[in-house]
Amino acid sequence: MDIHKNARLSFRSREALAKLVVEQGLTRKAAAAAFRVSPKTAGKWVERYQQAGVDGLMDHSSRPHLSRAGCPRAWWRAW
């Protein structure tokens, strides 16, 4: 697995953070402080863990899922 070069948390750290909140009842703010990330970042990983389990903690591509169409096909046919 490639880890983003600026990522503050590894996969195992994300898992540990999420489990502290979900399974042990630690607040997101306290977990964020323990792992030296913002509460927003901690919340993101907790939500992904709750929605998709451990698989939700993997790095995702930042590439858009959809791209709007560039030029109409008729325009290309004119070339």
Protein backbone atom coordinates (compact mmCIF):
# COMPACT_ATOMS: atom_id res chain seq x y z
CA MET A 1 0.00 0.00 0.00
CA ASP A 2 1.31 3.41 -0.91
CA ILE A 3 1.07 5.94 1.89
CA HIS A 4 0.60 9.54 0.90
CA LYS A 5 3.88 11.35 1.52
CA ASN A 6 2.20 13.96 3.74
CA ALA A 7 -0.08 11.54 5.58
CA ARG A 8 -0.01 12.06 9.33
CA LEU A 9 -1.34 8.57 10.07
CA SER A 10 -0.41 5.17 8.72
CA PHE A 11 -3.05 2.53 8.10
CA ARG A 12 -2.43 0.94 11.52
CA SER A 13 -2.59 4.31 13.27
CA ARG A 14 -5.92 5.08 11.57
CA GLU A 15 -7.23 1.72 12.72
CA ALA A 16 -6.06 2.29 16.30
CA LEU A 17 -7.59 5.78 16.38
CA ALA A 18 -10.93 4.57 15.04
CA LYS A 19 -11.08 1.63 17.43
CA LEU A 20 -10.35 3.87 20.42
CA VAL A 21 -13.37 5.98 19.55
CA VAL A 22 -15.77 3.26 18.40
CA GLU A 23 -14.92 0.38 20.72
CA GLN A 24 -13.54 2.09 23.81
CA GLY A 25 -15.67 5.23 23.84
CA LEU A 26 -12.89 7.80 23.67
CA THR A 27 -14.03 11.15 22.28
CA ARG A 28 -12.89 12.16 18.82
CA LYS A 29 -11.18 15.21 20.27
CA ALA A 30 -9.22 13.14 22.80
CA ALA A 31 -8.25 10.57 20.16
CA ALA A 32 -7.15 13.36 17.84
CA ALA A 33 -4.94 14.82 20.54
CA ALA A 34 -3.43 11.40 21.29
CA PHE A 35 -2.51 10.88 17.62
CA ARG A 36 -1.56 14.53 17.02
CA VAL A 37 -4.13 15.19 14.29
CA SER A 38 -7.08 17.56 14.09
CA PRO A 39 -10.49 16.51 15.41
CA LYS A 40 -11.77 16.85 11.82
CA THR A 41 -9.21 14.32 10.60
CA ALA A 42 -10.02 11.97 13.47
CA GLY A 43 -13.72 12.28 12.65
CA LYS A 44 -13.06 11.46 9.00
CA TRP A 45 -11.30 8.20 9.87
CA VAL A 46 -13.88 7.23 12.49
CA GLU A 47 -16.73 7.76 10.01
CA ARG A 48 -14.96 5.74 7.32
CA TYR A 49 -14.34 2.96 9.84
CA GLN A 50 -17.99 2.95 10.90
CA GLN A 51 -19.21 2.85 7.30
CA ALA A 52 -16.79 0.38 5.71
CA GLY A 53 -14.81 -1.23 8.51
CA VAL A 54 -11.06 -1.67 8.15
CA ASP A 55 -11.32 -1.43 4.34
CA GLY A 56 -12.52 2.16 4.72
CA LEU A 57 -9.18 3.15 6.23
CA MET A 58 -7.18 2.44 3.08
CA ASP A 59 -5.76 5.33 1.07
CA HIS A 60 -8.07 6.52 -1.69
CA SER A 61 -7.14 8.09 -4.96
CA SER A 62 -7.72 11.81 -5.14
CA ARG A 63 -8.67 11.49 -8.80
CA PRO A 64 -12.31 12.44 -9.44
CA HIS A 65 -14.70 9.55 -9.97
CA LEU A 66 -16.32 11.38 -12.86
CA SER A 67 -15.02 13.93 -15.31
CA ARG A 68 -17.31 16.18 -17.21
CA ALA A 69 -17.20 15.79 -20.95
CA GLY A 70 -14.69 18.09 -22.59
CA CYS A 71 -15.84 18.92 -26.11
CA PRO A 72 -18.98 17.80 -27.90
CA ARG A 73 -18.47 14.89 -30.28
CA ALA A 74 -19.73 16.99 -33.18
CA TRP A 75 -16.86 19.39 -32.60
CA TRP A 76 -14.32 16.57 -32.82
CA ARG A 77 -15.92 15.23 -36.01
CA ALA A 78 -15.33 18.60 -37.66
CA TRP A 79 -11.59 18.14 -37.30
